[in-house]
Amino acid sequence: MSVLFVCLGNICRSPTAEVVFRDRVRAAGLEQHILIDSAGTGDWHIGRAPDPRTQDAAAERGYDMSSLRARQVTVDDFARFDVLLAMDDANLADLVAMQPPGSSVILKRFLDYAPHSDLREVPDPYYGGEDGFAAVLNLVEEGADGLLVSLQERL
């Protein structure tokens, strides 16, 4: 099983989802069964570390993002991953537009796995204040828990 988390620049939301979900998968003893990565639909930040505010918020909860570097989604990702999870509707639309004919990848919004959230999208904290990064973590932790339950049913 393989999962790719996708946001706009791959420096805030999707790397947060990657590290949180890795933590959940590791705690469940499933790291040998689930491949996890993240990417952005845009190319502005390729090769850069996650936003320092994202890293700080993650570190406050014990997540280490220091090894992550931004990359852009490629057509090959549609063959490499079983599930591509978009952080918002614009990301999902970009993925749908990129999806090659005949691809069997599952494309969904990440928060489809957060049953207690009234939100459909993980808001982009990039232009907001510090509290936006903590709010993203709250949503991502809930979504990661729901995603893990869903994937465990398939393994």
Protein backbone atom coordinates (compact mmCIF):
# COMPACT_ATOMS: atom_id res chain seq x y z
CA MET A 1 0.00 0.00 0.00
CA SER A 2 1.29 3.48 -0.80
CA VAL A 3 0.02 6.97 0.00
CA LEU A 4 1.04 10.37 -1.39
CA PHE A 5 -0.11 13.52 0.43
CA VAL A 6 -0.47 16.54 -1.86
CA CYS A 7 -0.77 20.28 -1.23
CA LEU A 8 0.25 23.35 -3.23
CA GLY A 9 3.92 23.86 -2.40
CA ASN A 10 4.82 20.80 -0.28
CA ILE A 11 6.18 22.94 2.55
CA CYS A 12 3.24 23.15 4.99
CA ARG A 13 0.25 20.82 4.83
CA SER A 14 1.41 17.75 2.91
CA PRO A 15 4.74 17.35 4.74
CA THR A 16 2.81 17.69 8.00
CA ALA A 17 0.52 14.88 6.88
CA GLU A 18 3.54 12.82 5.84
CA VAL A 19 5.30 13.03 9.22
CA VAL A 20 2.14 12.56 11.26
CA PHE A 21 1.02 9.56 9.21
CA ARG A 22 4.51 8.04 9.35
CA ASP A 23 4.31 8.32 13.13
CA ARG A 24 0.90 6.61 13.21
CA VAL A 25 2.04 3.85 10.84
CA ARG A 26 5.23 3.26 12.84
CA ALA A 27 3.27 3.09 16.11
CA ALA A 28 0.98 0.48 14.51
CA GLY A 29 4.00 -1.57 13.38
CA LEU A 30 3.06 -1.21 9.71
CA GLU A 31 6.02 0.75 8.34
CA GLN A 32 7.03 -2.24 6.17
CA HIS A 33 3.57 -2.33 4.59
CA ILE A 34 2.78 1.31 3.78
CA LEU A 35 4.94 3.61 1.62
CA ILE A 36 4.40 7.28 2.51
CA ASP A 37 5.50 10.47 0.73
CA SER A 38 4.32 14.01 0.03
CA ALA A 39 4.50 16.40 -2.91
CA GLY A 40 3.17 19.72 -4.17
CA THR A 41 1.26 20.61 -7.29
CA GLY A 42 3.45 23.71 -7.73
CA ASP A 43 7.19 23.91 -8.34
CA TRP A 44 8.13 27.01 -6.27
CA HIS A 45 9.78 25.21 -3.37
CA ILE A 46 11.38 22.11 -4.94
CA GLY A 47 14.32 20.95 -2.83
CA ARG A 48 13.51 23.20 0.12
CA ALA A 49 12.80 22.12 3.69
CA PRO A 50 9.29 22.62 5.09
CA ASP A 51 8.36 26.14 6.20
CA PRO A 52 10.08 26.92 9.54
CA ARG A 53 6.69 27.61 11.14
CA THR A 54 5.50 24.18 10.04
CA GLN A 55 8.63 22.57 11.47
CA ASP A 56 8.25 24.46 14.77
CA ALA A 57 4.60 23.46 15.19
CA ALA A 58 5.43 19.85 14.37
CA ALA A 59 8.41 19.79 16.75
CA GLU A 60 6.19 21.04 19.59
CA ARG A 61 4.25 17.79 19.20
CA GLY A 62 7.30 15.58 18.77
CA TYR A 63 7.40 15.28 14.97
CA ASP A 64 10.73 15.67 13.14
CA MET A 65 10.56 17.14 9.63
CA SER A 66 14.28 17.88 9.26
CA SER A 67 14.89 15.28 6.53
CA LEU A 68 11.97 16.34 4.30
CA ARG A 69 12.45 18.30 1.08
CA ALA A 70 9.75 19.61 -1.22
CA ARG A 71 9.08 17.98 -4.55
CA GLN A 72 6.47 18.33 -7.25
CA VAL A 73 3.87 15.72 -8.17
CA THR A 74 4.78 13.85 -11.36
CA VAL A 75 2.79 11.65 -13.73
CA ASP A 76 4.85 8.71 -12.42
CA ASP A 77 3.25 9.20 -9.00
CA PHE A 78 -0.05 7.95 -10.43
CA ALA A 79 1.58 4.55 -11.04
CA ARG A 80 3.81 4.53 -7.96
CA PHE A 81 1.09 5.25 -5.37
CA ASP A 82 -2.22 3.56 -4.62
CA VAL A 83 -3.78 6.62 -2.99
CA LEU A 84 -3.21 10.34 -3.62
CA LEU A 85 -4.72 12.56 -0.95
CA ALA A 86 -5.27 16.25 -1.66
CA MET A 87 -5.33 18.85 1.08
CA ASP A 88 -7.95 20.99 -0.69
CA ASP A 89 -10.31 21.03 -3.66
CA ALA A 90 -7.88 22.99 -5.87
CA ASN A 91 -5.17 20.37 -5.26
CA LEU A 92 -7.68 17.62 -6.03
CA ALA A 93 -8.70 19.34 -9.28
CA ASP A 94 -5.03 19.61 -10.28
CA LEU A 95 -4.55 15.90 -9.60
CA VAL A 96 -7.65 14.95 -11.57
CA ALA A 97 -6.35 17.02 -14.50
CA MET A 98 -2.95 15.28 -14.31
CA GLN A 99 -4.30 11.74 -13.94
CA PRO A 100 -3.29 9.61 -16.91
CA PRO A 101 -6.01 7.68 -18.75
CA GLY A 102 -6.44 4.20 -17.32
CA SER A 103 -4.91 5.10 -13.97
CA SER A 104 -6.47 3.19 -11.08
CA VAL A 105 -5.10 5.44 -8.33
CA ILE A 106 -7.57 6.56 -5.67
CA LEU A 107 -7.88 10.37 -5.58
CA LYS A 108 -9.55 11.85 -2.51
CA ARG A 109 -9.46 14.78 -0.15
CA PHE A 110 -7.41 13.98 2.94
CA LEU A 111 -10.12 15.22 5.29
CA ASP A 112 -12.50 12.60 3.89
CA TYR A 113 -10.76 10.47 6.54
CA ALA A 114 -11.50 12.91 9.38
CA PRO A 115 -15.05 11.92 10.36
CA HIS A 116 -15.37 14.41 13.22
CA SER A 117 -14.32 17.45 11.19
CA ASP A 118 -16.87 19.70 9.54
CA LEU A 119 -14.18 20.88 7.12
CA ARG A 120 -13.58 19.39 3.68
CA GLU A 121 -10.23 21.10 3.17
CA VAL A 122 -7.08 21.56 5.25
CA PRO A 123 -6.64 25.36 5.20
CA ASP A 124 -3.31 26.62 3.91
CA PRO A 125 -1.54 28.31 6.86
CA TYR A 126 1.23 29.87 4.73
CA TYR A 127 -0.08 33.46 4.76
CA GLY A 128 -1.63 33.32 8.23
CA GLY A 129 -0.42 33.45 11.80
CA GLU A 130 1.24 30.87 14.01
CA ASP A 131 -2.06 29.45 15.24
CA GLY A 132 -2.88 28.29 11.70
CA PHE A 133 -0.03 25.78 11.83
CA ALA A 134 -1.34 24.26 15.07
CA ALA A 135 -4.82 24.10 13.55
CA VAL A 136 -3.40 22.22 10.55
CA LEU A 137 -1.76 19.74 12.91
CA ASN A 138 -5.06 19.15 14.71
CA LEU A 139 -6.82 18.39 11.43
CA VAL A 140 -3.96 16.27 10.12
CA GLU A 141 -3.77 14.19 13.28
CA GLU A 142 -7.48 13.42 13.05
CA GLY A 143 -7.25 12.61 9.34
CA ALA A 144 -4.19 10.42 9.87
CA ASP A 145 -6.00 8.39 12.51
CA GLY A 146 -8.97 7.83 10.19
CA LEU A 147 -6.74 7.01 7.24
CA LEU A 148 -4.82 4.43 9.25
CA VAL A 149 -8.04 2.67 10.26
CA SER A 150 -9.18 2.64 6.62
CA LEU A 151 -5.89 1.25 5.30
CA GLN A 152 -5.63 -1.37 8.04
CA GLU A 153 -8.91 -2.80 6.75
CA ARG A 154 -7.26 -3.28 3.32
CA LEU A 155 -3.99 -4.84 4.48
